[in-house]
């Protein structure tokens, strides 16, 4: 719990500083149906504005995931924002339970369901080596859930492969935006039903 709180406070402070270049890419993409896909370097203000735009456009189906390499602790810190209603529809379908309430579920907790759901839908490899993700927990922020995940004992790497196809089995227009930060360099990509896996490369 202490690890998650420390992780949360640090990441939330950083997120507040991310607001323009990638956000404008989303606006352009929604207007022209051409959202930038990969190898886009963004200024330190992309993540928050991406989410602000997503919130204003909902019911456009989108999630935003932030991945940052913590060089000191040798781990990847991951925050995934998902709309509550989109996730509820998805989990109802996956658990064959049309009455499932993700805010107050009966039986399995939301955390238990998310561990099971994310296992096949969210994967990370570093330099072609599959990594084990550790689910830490969640919190609610307005109309969205924030899920906290990490990858521990991370050695130096240059290429990260990310699979993120959450919710794409429900909504064909689902876009899963991913921002990755390593050595103060930020790169971004968009993953979709037809393009659920991609990679980003960084310099050591």
N, C-alpha and C. Protein backbone atom coordinates (compact mmCIF):
# COMPACT_ATOMS: atom_id res chain seq x y z
N UNK A 1 0.82 -1.21 0.00
CA UNK A 1 0.00 0.00 0.00
C UNK A 1 0.85 1.25 0.00
N UNK A 2 1.93 1.29 0.83
CA UNK A 2 2.80 2.45 0.87
C UNK A 2 3.45 2.67 -0.47
N UNK A 3 3.84 1.56 -1.13
CA UNK A 3 4.44 1.68 -2.46
C UNK A 3 3.45 2.30 -3.43
N UNK A 4 2.19 1.87 -3.38
CA UNK A 4 1.20 2.40 -4.31
C UNK A 4 0.92 3.86 -4.04
N UNK A 5 0.85 4.27 -2.76
CA UNK A 5 0.59 5.66 -2.43
C UNK A 5 1.73 6.54 -2.91
N UNK A 6 2.98 6.11 -2.70
CA UNK A 6 4.13 6.87 -3.15
C UNK A 6 4.12 6.99 -4.67
N UNK A 7 3.81 5.91 -5.32
CA UNK A 7 3.71 5.86 -6.78
C UNK A 7 2.63 6.83 -7.24
N UNK A 8 1.46 6.78 -6.59
CA UNK A 8 0.34 7.62 -6.97
C UNK A 8 0.68 9.09 -6.85
N UNK A 9 1.20 9.51 -5.71
CA UNK A 9 1.50 10.92 -5.49
C UNK A 9 2.48 11.44 -6.52
N UNK A 10 3.53 10.70 -6.79
CA UNK A 10 4.54 11.15 -7.74
C UNK A 10 3.96 11.26 -9.13
N UNK A 11 3.21 10.25 -9.57
CA UNK A 11 2.69 10.24 -10.93
C UNK A 11 1.62 11.31 -11.11
N UNK A 12 0.76 11.50 -10.10
CA UNK A 12 -0.28 12.51 -10.23
C UNK A 12 0.32 13.89 -10.37
N UNK A 13 1.41 14.17 -9.65
CA UNK A 13 2.07 15.46 -9.77
C UNK A 13 2.64 15.64 -11.16
N UNK A 14 3.19 14.58 -11.74
CA UNK A 14 3.76 14.68 -13.08
C UNK A 14 2.68 14.84 -14.13
N UNK A 15 1.56 14.17 -13.94
CA UNK A 15 0.48 14.21 -14.93
C UNK A 15 -0.06 15.62 -15.08
N UNK A 16 -0.11 16.39 -14.01
CA UNK A 16 -0.65 17.74 -14.10
C UNK A 16 0.17 18.63 -15.01
N UNK A 17 1.39 18.23 -15.33
CA UNK A 17 2.25 19.04 -16.19
C UNK A 17 2.20 18.65 -17.66
N UNK A 18 1.29 17.72 -18.03
CA UNK A 18 1.28 17.20 -19.41
C UNK A 18 0.04 17.64 -20.15
N UNK A 19 0.12 18.72 -20.96
CA UNK A 19 -1.15 19.15 -21.55
C UNK A 19 -1.20 19.50 -23.04
N UNK A 20 -0.32 19.57 -24.04
CA UNK A 20 -0.64 20.14 -25.35
C UNK A 20 -0.42 19.28 -26.59
N UNK A 21 0.78 18.93 -26.90
CA UNK A 21 1.08 18.44 -28.25
C UNK A 21 0.30 17.20 -28.63
N UNK A 22 0.31 16.17 -27.76
CA UNK A 22 -0.43 14.95 -28.11
C UNK A 22 -1.92 15.20 -28.07
N UNK A 23 -2.37 16.10 -27.18
CA UNK A 23 -3.79 16.44 -27.13
C UNK A 23 -4.28 17.00 -28.44
N UNK A 24 -3.50 17.91 -29.05
CA UNK A 24 -3.89 18.45 -30.34
C UNK A 24 -3.89 17.37 -31.41
N UNK A 25 -3.01 16.38 -31.27
CA UNK A 25 -3.01 15.25 -32.19
C UNK A 25 -4.33 14.51 -32.13
N UNK A 26 -4.86 14.36 -30.92
CA UNK A 26 -6.15 13.68 -30.76
C UNK A 26 -7.27 14.48 -31.40
N UNK A 27 -7.26 15.80 -31.17
CA UNK A 27 -8.30 16.64 -31.78
C UNK A 27 -8.24 16.52 -33.30
N UNK A 28 -7.04 16.62 -33.84
CA UNK A 28 -6.86 16.49 -35.29
C UNK A 28 -7.33 15.12 -35.76
N UNK A 29 -6.99 14.10 -34.98
CA UNK A 29 -7.35 12.74 -35.37
C UNK A 29 -8.84 12.51 -35.36
N UNK A 30 -9.52 13.05 -34.35
CA UNK A 30 -10.97 12.88 -34.28
C UNK A 30 -11.63 13.59 -35.44
N UNK A 31 -11.09 14.77 -35.78
CA UNK A 31 -11.67 15.54 -36.87
C UNK A 31 -11.41 14.87 -38.21
N UNK A 32 -10.18 14.40 -38.43
CA UNK A 32 -9.77 13.87 -39.73
C UNK A 32 -9.72 12.36 -39.76
N UNK A 33 -10.02 11.71 -38.63
CA UNK A 33 -9.94 10.26 -38.50
C UNK A 33 -8.51 9.77 -38.73
N UNK A 34 -7.53 10.63 -38.42
CA UNK A 34 -6.13 10.25 -38.56
C UNK A 34 -5.41 10.64 -37.28
N UNK A 35 -5.45 9.79 -36.28
CA UNK A 35 -4.74 10.07 -35.05
C UNK A 35 -3.31 9.57 -35.19
N UNK A 36 -2.30 10.35 -34.78
CA UNK A 36 -0.92 9.89 -34.89
C UNK A 36 -0.74 8.55 -34.20
N UNK A 37 0.02 7.65 -34.84
CA UNK A 37 0.12 6.29 -34.33
C UNK A 37 1.33 6.08 -33.45
N UNK A 38 2.55 6.23 -33.96
CA UNK A 38 3.68 5.82 -33.15
C UNK A 38 4.89 6.71 -33.43
N UNK A 39 5.87 6.58 -32.55
CA UNK A 39 7.11 7.33 -32.65
C UNK A 39 6.86 8.83 -32.64
N UNK A 40 5.81 9.25 -31.97
CA UNK A 40 5.58 10.68 -31.82
C UNK A 40 6.18 11.12 -30.50
N UNK A 41 7.16 12.02 -30.53
CA UNK A 41 7.73 12.57 -29.31
C UNK A 41 6.81 13.68 -28.84
N UNK A 42 6.40 13.62 -27.57
CA UNK A 42 5.48 14.61 -27.06
C UNK A 42 6.14 15.43 -25.97
N UNK A 43 5.66 16.64 -25.82
CA UNK A 43 6.15 17.49 -24.75
C UNK A 43 5.65 16.96 -23.43
N UNK A 44 6.16 17.45 -22.31
CA UNK A 44 5.77 16.92 -21.01
C UNK A 44 4.35 17.25 -20.61
N UNK A 45 3.47 17.54 -21.56
CA UNK A 45 2.11 17.93 -21.20
C UNK A 45 1.06 17.10 -21.91
N UNK A 46 1.45 15.98 -22.50
CA UNK A 46 0.53 15.22 -23.34
C UNK A 46 -0.52 14.42 -22.61
N UNK A 47 -0.16 13.78 -21.51
CA UNK A 47 -1.06 12.80 -20.89
C UNK A 47 -2.33 13.44 -20.35
N UNK A 48 -2.20 14.50 -19.57
CA UNK A 48 -3.38 15.12 -18.97
C UNK A 48 -4.31 15.66 -20.04
N UNK A 49 -3.75 16.33 -21.06
CA UNK A 49 -4.60 16.89 -22.09
C UNK A 49 -5.25 15.80 -22.92
N UNK A 50 -4.54 14.72 -23.15
CA UNK A 50 -5.15 13.58 -23.84
C UNK A 50 -6.40 13.15 -23.11
N UNK A 51 -6.29 13.06 -21.79
CA UNK A 51 -7.44 12.61 -21.01
C UNK A 51 -8.53 13.67 -20.97
N UNK A 52 -8.16 14.95 -20.89
CA UNK A 52 -9.16 16.02 -20.90
C UNK A 52 -9.96 15.97 -22.19
N UNK A 53 -9.24 15.82 -23.32
CA UNK A 53 -9.93 15.74 -24.61
C UNK A 53 -10.82 14.51 -24.65
N UNK A 54 -10.30 13.40 -24.16
CA UNK A 54 -11.10 12.17 -24.15
C UNK A 54 -12.37 12.36 -23.34
N UNK A 55 -12.25 13.00 -22.18
CA UNK A 55 -13.42 13.23 -21.34
C UNK A 55 -14.44 14.08 -22.09
N UNK A 56 -13.98 15.12 -22.79
CA UNK A 56 -14.90 16.01 -23.48
C UNK A 56 -15.56 15.34 -24.66
N UNK A 57 -14.90 14.33 -25.23
CA UNK A 57 -15.43 13.66 -26.42
C UNK A 57 -16.25 12.42 -26.10
N UNK A 58 -16.20 11.95 -24.88
CA UNK A 58 -16.94 10.74 -24.55
C UNK A 58 -18.39 10.92 -24.96
N UNK A 59 -19.04 9.96 -25.67
CA UNK A 59 -18.75 8.54 -25.69
C UNK A 59 -17.76 8.03 -26.73
N UNK A 60 -16.87 8.84 -27.26
CA UNK A 60 -15.74 8.26 -27.98
C UNK A 60 -15.05 7.28 -27.05
N UNK A 61 -14.67 6.14 -27.54
CA UNK A 61 -14.15 5.08 -26.67
C UNK A 61 -12.62 5.12 -26.66
N UNK A 62 -12.06 5.47 -25.50
CA UNK A 62 -10.62 5.67 -25.41
C UNK A 62 -10.14 5.41 -23.99
N UNK A 63 -8.93 4.91 -23.88
CA UNK A 63 -8.23 4.84 -22.60
C UNK A 63 -6.88 5.51 -22.77
N UNK A 64 -6.30 5.95 -21.66
CA UNK A 64 -4.98 6.57 -21.69
C UNK A 64 -4.10 5.89 -20.65
N UNK A 65 -2.96 5.39 -21.11
CA UNK A 65 -2.02 4.69 -20.21
C UNK A 65 -0.68 5.41 -20.22
N UNK A 66 -0.17 5.65 -19.04
CA UNK A 66 1.13 6.29 -18.85
C UNK A 66 2.11 5.25 -18.28
N UNK A 67 3.23 5.06 -18.95
CA UNK A 67 4.27 4.13 -18.49
C UNK A 67 5.55 4.93 -18.31
N UNK A 68 6.15 4.85 -17.14
CA UNK A 68 7.40 5.58 -16.91
C UNK A 68 8.44 4.66 -16.29
N UNK A 69 9.64 4.75 -16.82
CA UNK A 69 10.76 3.99 -16.27
C UNK A 69 11.33 4.74 -15.07
N UNK A 70 11.29 4.10 -13.91
CA UNK A 70 11.89 4.64 -12.70
C UNK A 70 13.31 4.09 -12.61
N UNK A 71 14.28 4.90 -13.00
CA UNK A 71 15.67 4.44 -13.05
C UNK A 71 16.21 4.09 -11.68
N UNK A 72 15.80 4.84 -10.67
CA UNK A 72 16.31 4.63 -9.32
C UNK A 72 15.85 3.28 -8.76
N UNK A 73 14.55 3.01 -8.87
CA UNK A 73 13.99 1.78 -8.31
C UNK A 73 13.96 0.63 -9.32
N UNK A 74 14.41 0.89 -10.54
CA UNK A 74 14.48 -0.14 -11.59
C UNK A 74 13.12 -0.83 -11.78
N UNK A 75 12.13 -0.02 -12.11
CA UNK A 75 10.81 -0.56 -12.35
C UNK A 75 10.05 0.34 -13.32
N UNK A 76 9.05 -0.23 -13.96
CA UNK A 76 8.11 0.53 -14.77
C UNK A 76 6.89 0.85 -13.91
N UNK A 77 6.52 2.11 -13.88
CA UNK A 77 5.33 2.54 -13.16
C UNK A 77 4.25 2.86 -14.18
N UNK A 78 3.09 2.29 -13.98
CA UNK A 78 2.04 2.35 -15.01
C UNK A 78 0.74 2.85 -14.40
N UNK A 79 0.14 3.82 -15.06
CA UNK A 79 -1.20 4.29 -14.71
C UNK A 79 -2.10 4.15 -15.93
N UNK A 80 -3.24 3.54 -15.75
CA UNK A 80 -4.17 3.32 -16.86
C UNK A 80 -5.52 3.93 -16.49
N UNK A 81 -5.97 4.87 -17.30
CA UNK A 81 -7.26 5.51 -17.08
C UNK A 81 -8.29 4.94 -18.06
N UNK A 82 -9.42 4.50 -17.51
CA UNK A 82 -10.47 3.86 -18.31
C UNK A 82 -11.81 4.41 -17.85
N UNK A 83 -12.68 4.74 -18.79
CA UNK A 83 -14.02 5.20 -18.42
C UNK A 83 -14.78 4.11 -17.69
N UNK A 84 -15.47 4.51 -16.62
CA UNK A 84 -16.22 3.57 -15.80
C UNK A 84 -17.26 2.83 -16.62
N UNK A 85 -18.04 3.56 -17.42
CA UNK A 85 -19.13 2.90 -18.15
C UNK A 85 -18.62 1.94 -19.22
N UNK A 86 -17.52 2.31 -19.88
CA UNK A 86 -16.94 1.40 -20.89
C UNK A 86 -16.46 0.10 -20.24
N UNK A 87 -15.79 0.24 -19.09
CA UNK A 87 -15.28 -0.95 -18.41
C UNK A 87 -16.43 -1.81 -17.89
N UNK A 88 -17.49 -1.17 -17.41
CA UNK A 88 -18.62 -1.93 -16.90
C UNK A 88 -19.25 -2.78 -17.99
N UNK A 89 -19.45 -2.20 -19.16
CA UNK A 89 -20.01 -2.97 -20.28
C UNK A 89 -19.09 -4.14 -20.63
N UNK A 90 -17.79 -3.88 -20.62
CA UNK A 90 -16.81 -4.91 -20.97
C UNK A 90 -16.82 -6.05 -19.97
N UNK A 91 -16.79 -5.73 -18.70
CA UNK A 91 -16.76 -6.78 -17.67
C UNK A 91 -18.10 -7.52 -17.59
N UNK A 92 -19.19 -6.84 -17.83
CA UNK A 92 -20.48 -7.54 -17.89
C UNK A 92 -20.46 -8.62 -18.96
N UNK A 93 -19.89 -8.28 -20.10
CA UNK A 93 -19.81 -9.24 -21.20
C UNK A 93 -18.85 -10.38 -20.86
N UNK A 94 -17.69 -10.04 -20.29
CA UNK A 94 -16.69 -11.05 -19.99
C UNK A 94 -17.13 -12.01 -18.89
N UNK A 95 -17.90 -11.51 -17.94
CA UNK A 95 -18.35 -12.34 -16.83
C UNK A 95 -19.79 -12.81 -17.00
N UNK A 96 -20.36 -12.53 -18.18
CA UNK A 96 -21.73 -12.98 -18.49
C UNK A 96 -22.70 -12.58 -17.38
N UNK A 97 -22.56 -11.33 -16.95
CA UNK A 97 -23.37 -10.82 -15.85
C UNK A 97 -23.91 -9.44 -16.24
N UNK A 98 -25.11 -9.39 -16.83
CA UNK A 98 -25.66 -8.11 -17.30
C UNK A 98 -25.98 -7.12 -16.19
N UNK A 99 -26.00 -7.58 -14.95
CA UNK A 99 -26.33 -6.70 -13.82
C UNK A 99 -25.10 -6.26 -13.04
N UNK A 100 -23.91 -6.58 -13.52
CA UNK A 100 -22.69 -6.25 -12.80
C UNK A 100 -22.55 -4.74 -12.61
N UNK A 101 -22.30 -4.35 -11.37
CA UNK A 101 -22.05 -2.96 -11.01
C UNK A 101 -20.57 -2.86 -10.63
N UNK A 102 -19.75 -2.21 -11.47
CA UNK A 102 -18.32 -2.20 -11.20
C UNK A 102 -17.96 -1.31 -10.01
N UNK A 103 -18.84 -0.39 -9.67
CA UNK A 103 -18.57 0.47 -8.50
C UNK A 103 -18.76 -0.32 -7.21
N UNK A 104 -19.77 -1.17 -7.18
CA UNK A 104 -20.05 -1.98 -5.98
C UNK A 104 -20.36 -3.41 -6.41
N UNK A 105 -19.37 -4.13 -6.92
CA UNK A 105 -19.62 -5.50 -7.42
C UNK A 105 -19.91 -6.47 -6.29
N UNK A 106 -20.70 -7.49 -6.59
CA UNK A 106 -20.98 -8.55 -5.64
C UNK A 106 -20.14 -9.77 -6.03
N UNK A 107 -19.64 -10.46 -5.03
CA UNK A 107 -18.77 -11.60 -5.31
C UNK A 107 -17.34 -11.14 -5.46
N UNK A 108 -16.79 -11.27 -6.66
CA UNK A 108 -15.42 -10.83 -6.91
C UNK A 108 -15.33 -9.31 -6.81
N UNK A 109 -14.22 -8.84 -6.28
CA UNK A 109 -13.97 -7.40 -6.23
C UNK A 109 -13.54 -6.92 -7.61
N UNK A 110 -13.59 -5.61 -7.81
CA UNK A 110 -13.11 -5.05 -9.07
C UNK A 110 -11.64 -5.38 -9.28
N UNK A 111 -10.84 -5.30 -8.23
CA UNK A 111 -9.42 -5.61 -8.36
C UNK A 111 -9.20 -7.06 -8.81
N UNK A 112 -9.97 -7.98 -8.26
CA UNK A 112 -9.85 -9.38 -8.67
C UNK A 112 -10.23 -9.55 -10.14
N UNK A 113 -11.29 -8.89 -10.54
CA UNK A 113 -11.71 -8.99 -11.94
C UNK A 113 -10.68 -8.37 -12.86
N UNK A 114 -10.08 -7.26 -12.46
CA UNK A 114 -9.11 -6.59 -13.32
C UNK A 114 -7.82 -7.39 -13.46
N UNK A 115 -7.40 -8.07 -12.41
CA UNK A 115 -6.23 -8.94 -12.52
C UNK A 115 -6.49 -9.99 -13.59
N UNK A 116 -7.68 -10.58 -13.56
CA UNK A 116 -8.03 -11.61 -14.54
C UNK A 116 -8.19 -11.03 -15.94
N UNK A 117 -8.80 -9.84 -16.02
CA UNK A 117 -9.07 -9.26 -17.33
C UNK A 117 -7.79 -8.75 -18.01
N UNK A 118 -6.93 -8.11 -17.25
CA UNK A 118 -5.74 -7.52 -17.84
C UNK A 118 -4.70 -8.56 -18.28
N UNK A 119 -4.72 -9.71 -17.65
CA UNK A 119 -3.68 -10.71 -17.93
C UNK A 119 -3.55 -11.01 -19.43
N UNK A 120 -4.64 -11.24 -20.17
CA UNK A 120 -4.49 -11.48 -21.62
C UNK A 120 -4.53 -10.21 -22.46
N UNK A 121 -4.95 -9.10 -21.87
CA UNK A 121 -5.21 -7.89 -22.67
C UNK A 121 -4.13 -6.82 -22.56
N UNK A 122 -3.28 -6.89 -21.55
CA UNK A 122 -2.24 -5.87 -21.38
C UNK A 122 -0.92 -6.56 -21.09
N UNK A 123 0.02 -6.44 -22.04
CA UNK A 123 1.30 -7.14 -21.91
C UNK A 123 2.44 -6.20 -22.31
N UNK A 124 3.58 -6.41 -21.67
CA UNK A 124 4.77 -5.61 -21.96
C UNK A 124 5.97 -6.53 -22.14
N UNK A 125 6.77 -6.23 -23.16
CA UNK A 125 8.05 -6.90 -23.35
C UNK A 125 9.13 -5.84 -23.48
N UNK A 126 10.30 -6.12 -22.93
CA UNK A 126 11.45 -5.22 -23.03
C UNK A 126 12.56 -5.93 -23.77
N UNK A 127 12.98 -5.36 -24.89
CA UNK A 127 14.00 -5.99 -25.73
C UNK A 127 13.63 -7.45 -26.02
N UNK A 128 12.35 -7.64 -26.35
CA UNK A 128 11.80 -8.96 -26.73
C UNK A 128 11.72 -9.95 -25.58
N UNK A 129 11.85 -9.47 -24.35
CA UNK A 129 11.71 -10.34 -23.19
C UNK A 129 10.40 -10.01 -22.47
N UNK A 130 9.46 -10.96 -22.43
CA UNK A 130 8.18 -10.71 -21.76
C UNK A 130 8.39 -10.35 -20.29
N UNK A 131 7.63 -9.36 -19.83
CA UNK A 131 7.73 -8.91 -18.45
C UNK A 131 6.49 -9.30 -17.66
N UNK A 132 6.66 -9.49 -16.36
CA UNK A 132 5.54 -9.80 -15.48
C UNK A 132 5.00 -8.51 -14.89
N UNK A 133 3.75 -8.21 -15.19
CA UNK A 133 3.12 -7.02 -14.63
C UNK A 133 2.51 -7.35 -13.27
N UNK A 134 2.61 -6.40 -12.37
CA UNK A 134 2.07 -6.56 -11.02
C UNK A 134 0.96 -5.53 -10.83
N UNK A 135 -0.25 -6.01 -10.65
CA UNK A 135 -1.40 -5.12 -10.44
C UNK A 135 -1.39 -4.64 -8.99
N UNK A 136 -1.50 -3.32 -8.81
CA UNK A 136 -1.40 -2.75 -7.46
C UNK A 136 -2.74 -2.33 -6.87
N UNK A 137 -3.66 -1.88 -7.71
CA UNK A 137 -4.94 -1.42 -7.18
C UNK A 137 -5.54 -0.35 -8.07
N UNK A 138 -6.58 0.31 -7.56
CA UNK A 138 -7.27 1.30 -8.37
C UNK A 138 -7.85 2.39 -7.49
N UNK A 139 -8.26 3.47 -8.14
CA UNK A 139 -9.07 4.49 -7.50
C UNK A 139 -10.00 5.08 -8.54
N UNK A 140 -11.02 5.80 -8.10
CA UNK A 140 -11.98 6.43 -8.99
C UNK A 140 -11.68 7.92 -9.08
N UNK A 141 -11.66 8.42 -10.30
CA UNK A 141 -11.43 9.85 -10.53
C UNK A 141 -12.52 10.35 -11.47
N UNK A 142 -13.58 10.89 -10.91
CA UNK A 142 -14.70 11.36 -11.73
C UNK A 142 -15.37 10.21 -12.45
N UNK A 143 -15.39 10.28 -13.78
CA UNK A 143 -16.04 9.25 -14.60
C UNK A 143 -15.09 8.15 -15.00
N UNK A 144 -13.91 8.12 -14.39
CA UNK A 144 -12.91 7.14 -14.81
C UNK A 144 -12.32 6.39 -13.63
N UNK A 145 -11.84 5.19 -13.92
CA UNK A 145 -10.99 4.46 -13.00
C UNK A 145 -9.54 4.74 -13.36
N UNK A 146 -8.69 4.80 -12.34
CA UNK A 146 -7.25 4.80 -12.56
C UNK A 146 -6.72 3.50 -11.99
N UNK A 147 -6.08 2.70 -12.83
CA UNK A 147 -5.50 1.44 -12.39
C UNK A 147 -3.99 1.59 -12.30
N UNK A 148 -3.42 1.04 -11.22
CA UNK A 148 -1.99 1.15 -10.97
C UNK A 148 -1.33 -0.21 -11.15
N UNK A 149 -0.30 -0.22 -11.95
CA UNK A 149 0.40 -1.45 -12.32
C UNK A 149 1.89 -1.15 -12.30
N UNK A 150 2.72 -2.17 -12.07
CA UNK A 150 4.15 -1.96 -12.17
C UNK A 150 4.85 -3.21 -12.69
N UNK A 151 6.04 -3.00 -13.19
CA UNK A 151 6.93 -4.10 -13.57
C UNK A 151 8.21 -3.91 -12.76
N UNK A 152 8.56 -4.89 -11.97
CA UNK A 152 9.70 -4.77 -11.07
C UNK A 152 10.96 -5.36 -11.69
N UNK A 153 12.10 -5.00 -11.08
CA UNK A 153 13.42 -5.55 -11.44
C UNK A 153 13.69 -5.41 -12.93
N UNK A 154 13.58 -4.19 -13.39
CA UNK A 154 13.78 -3.89 -14.81
C UNK A 154 15.23 -3.49 -15.06
N UNK A 155 15.88 -4.19 -15.97
CA UNK A 155 17.23 -3.84 -16.37
C UNK A 155 17.19 -2.82 -17.50
N UNK A 156 18.35 -2.35 -17.94
CA UNK A 156 18.39 -1.38 -19.03
C UNK A 156 17.78 -1.98 -20.29
N UNK A 157 17.07 -1.16 -21.03
CA UNK A 157 16.42 -1.63 -22.24
C UNK A 157 16.35 -0.49 -23.25
N UNK A 158 16.12 -0.84 -24.49
CA UNK A 158 15.98 0.18 -25.54
C UNK A 158 14.63 0.11 -26.24
N UNK A 159 14.05 -1.09 -26.33
CA UNK A 159 12.79 -1.26 -27.05
C UNK A 159 11.72 -1.85 -26.15
N UNK A 160 10.56 -1.23 -26.18
CA UNK A 160 9.42 -1.74 -25.40
C UNK A 160 8.29 -2.09 -26.37
N UNK A 161 7.81 -3.33 -26.26
CA UNK A 161 6.64 -3.78 -26.99
C UNK A 161 5.45 -3.73 -26.04
N UNK A 162 4.36 -3.17 -26.49
CA UNK A 162 3.16 -3.03 -25.65
C UNK A 162 1.96 -3.60 -26.39
N UNK A 163 1.26 -4.49 -25.72
CA UNK A 163 -0.04 -4.94 -26.20
C UNK A 163 -1.10 -4.37 -25.27
N UNK A 164 -2.05 -3.68 -25.84
CA UNK A 164 -3.16 -3.16 -25.04
C UNK A 164 -4.41 -3.18 -25.91
N UNK A 165 -5.21 -4.22 -25.73
CA UNK A 165 -6.45 -4.32 -26.50
C UNK A 165 -7.68 -4.33 -25.60
N UNK A 166 -7.57 -3.66 -24.44
CA UNK A 166 -8.72 -3.60 -23.54
C UNK A 166 -9.90 -2.94 -24.24
N UNK A 167 -11.06 -3.49 -24.01
CA UNK A 167 -12.35 -2.95 -24.45
C UNK A 167 -12.55 -3.06 -25.97
N UNK A 168 -11.50 -3.40 -26.72
CA UNK A 168 -11.66 -3.48 -28.17
C UNK A 168 -12.58 -4.61 -28.60
N UNK A 169 -12.75 -5.61 -27.72
CA UNK A 169 -13.67 -6.69 -28.06
C UNK A 169 -15.13 -6.23 -27.99
N UNK A 170 -15.37 -5.09 -27.35
CA UNK A 170 -16.72 -4.55 -27.21
C UNK A 170 -16.96 -3.43 -28.22
N UNK A 171 -16.02 -2.50 -28.30
CA UNK A 171 -16.17 -1.34 -29.19
C UNK A 171 -15.09 -1.36 -30.26
N UNK A 172 -15.48 -1.42 -31.51
CA UNK A 172 -14.51 -1.48 -32.59
C UNK A 172 -13.76 -0.17 -32.76
N UNK A 173 -14.30 0.94 -32.23
CA UNK A 173 -13.62 2.23 -32.35
C UNK A 173 -12.76 2.55 -31.12
N UNK A 174 -12.60 1.59 -30.21
CA UNK A 174 -11.80 1.82 -29.01
C UNK A 174 -10.35 2.15 -29.38
N UNK A 175 -9.83 3.24 -28.83
CA UNK A 175 -8.43 3.62 -28.99
C UNK A 175 -7.76 3.59 -27.63
N UNK A 176 -6.65 2.89 -27.53
CA UNK A 176 -5.89 2.83 -26.29
C UNK A 176 -4.59 3.60 -26.48
N UNK A 177 -4.56 4.81 -25.97
CA UNK A 177 -3.41 5.69 -26.11
C UNK A 177 -2.38 5.34 -25.05
N UNK A 178 -1.12 5.31 -25.44
CA UNK A 178 -0.05 4.94 -24.53
C UNK A 178 1.08 5.96 -24.63
N UNK A 179 1.50 6.50 -23.49
CA UNK A 179 2.65 7.39 -23.42
C UNK A 179 3.73 6.69 -22.59
N UNK A 180 4.92 6.59 -23.13
CA UNK A 180 6.03 5.94 -22.44
C UNK A 180 7.14 6.96 -22.21
N UNK A 181 7.63 7.02 -20.97
CA UNK A 181 8.70 7.95 -20.61
C UNK A 181 9.91 7.16 -20.15
N UNK A 182 11.07 7.46 -20.76
CA UNK A 182 12.33 6.85 -20.36
C UNK A 182 13.43 7.88 -20.53
N UNK A 183 14.20 8.10 -19.47
CA UNK A 183 15.28 9.09 -19.51
C UNK A 183 14.79 10.45 -19.99
N UNK A 184 13.61 10.84 -19.51
CA UNK A 184 13.01 12.14 -19.79
C UNK A 184 12.55 12.29 -21.25
N UNK A 185 12.60 11.22 -22.01
CA UNK A 185 12.06 11.23 -23.38
C UNK A 185 10.69 10.57 -23.36
N UNK A 186 9.73 11.21 -24.00
CA UNK A 186 8.37 10.69 -24.04
C UNK A 186 8.00 10.34 -25.47
N UNK A 187 7.52 9.12 -25.67
CA UNK A 187 7.03 8.71 -26.98
C UNK A 187 5.64 8.11 -26.79
N UNK A 188 4.86 8.17 -27.86
CA UNK A 188 3.45 7.78 -27.74
C UNK A 188 3.00 6.94 -28.92
N UNK A 189 1.95 6.19 -28.69
CA UNK A 189 1.33 5.41 -29.76
C UNK A 189 -0.13 5.20 -29.46
N UNK A 190 -0.83 4.73 -30.48
CA UNK A 190 -2.26 4.43 -30.34
C UNK A 190 -2.49 3.00 -30.75
N UNK A 191 -3.14 2.24 -29.88
CA UNK A 191 -3.43 0.84 -30.14
C UNK A 191 -4.94 0.65 -30.32
N UNK A 192 -5.31 -0.18 -31.29
CA UNK A 192 -6.71 -0.36 -31.64
C UNK A 192 -7.01 -1.84 -31.84
N UNK A 193 -8.25 -2.14 -32.19
CA UNK A 193 -8.63 -3.53 -32.43
C UNK A 193 -7.79 -4.15 -33.54
N UNK A 194 -7.56 -3.41 -34.60
CA UNK A 194 -6.79 -3.94 -35.73
C UNK A 194 -5.28 -3.77 -35.54
N UNK A 195 -4.89 -3.02 -34.54
CA UNK A 195 -3.47 -2.73 -34.31
C UNK A 195 -3.22 -2.74 -32.78
N UNK A 196 -3.34 -3.92 -32.14
CA UNK A 196 -3.29 -3.99 -30.68
C UNK A 196 -1.88 -4.02 -30.07
N UNK A 197 -0.87 -4.20 -30.92
CA UNK A 197 0.50 -4.36 -30.43
C UNK A 197 1.44 -3.48 -31.24
N UNK A 198 2.34 -2.79 -30.52
CA UNK A 198 3.33 -1.99 -31.23
C UNK A 198 4.54 -1.79 -30.32
N UNK A 199 5.56 -1.13 -30.85
CA UNK A 199 6.78 -0.95 -30.09
C UNK A 199 7.28 0.48 -30.17
N UNK A 200 8.06 0.87 -29.18
CA UNK A 200 8.74 2.16 -29.15
C UNK A 200 10.20 1.90 -28.80
N UNK A 201 11.07 2.71 -29.38
CA UNK A 201 12.50 2.54 -29.15
C UNK A 201 13.10 3.81 -28.56
N UNK A 202 13.93 3.63 -27.55
CA UNK A 202 14.59 4.74 -26.86
C UNK A 202 16.10 4.52 -26.88
N UNK A 203 16.83 5.61 -26.72
CA UNK A 203 18.28 5.52 -26.58
C UNK A 203 18.63 5.28 -25.13
N UNK A 204 19.68 4.50 -24.89
CA UNK A 204 20.14 4.27 -23.52
C UNK A 204 20.75 5.54 -22.95
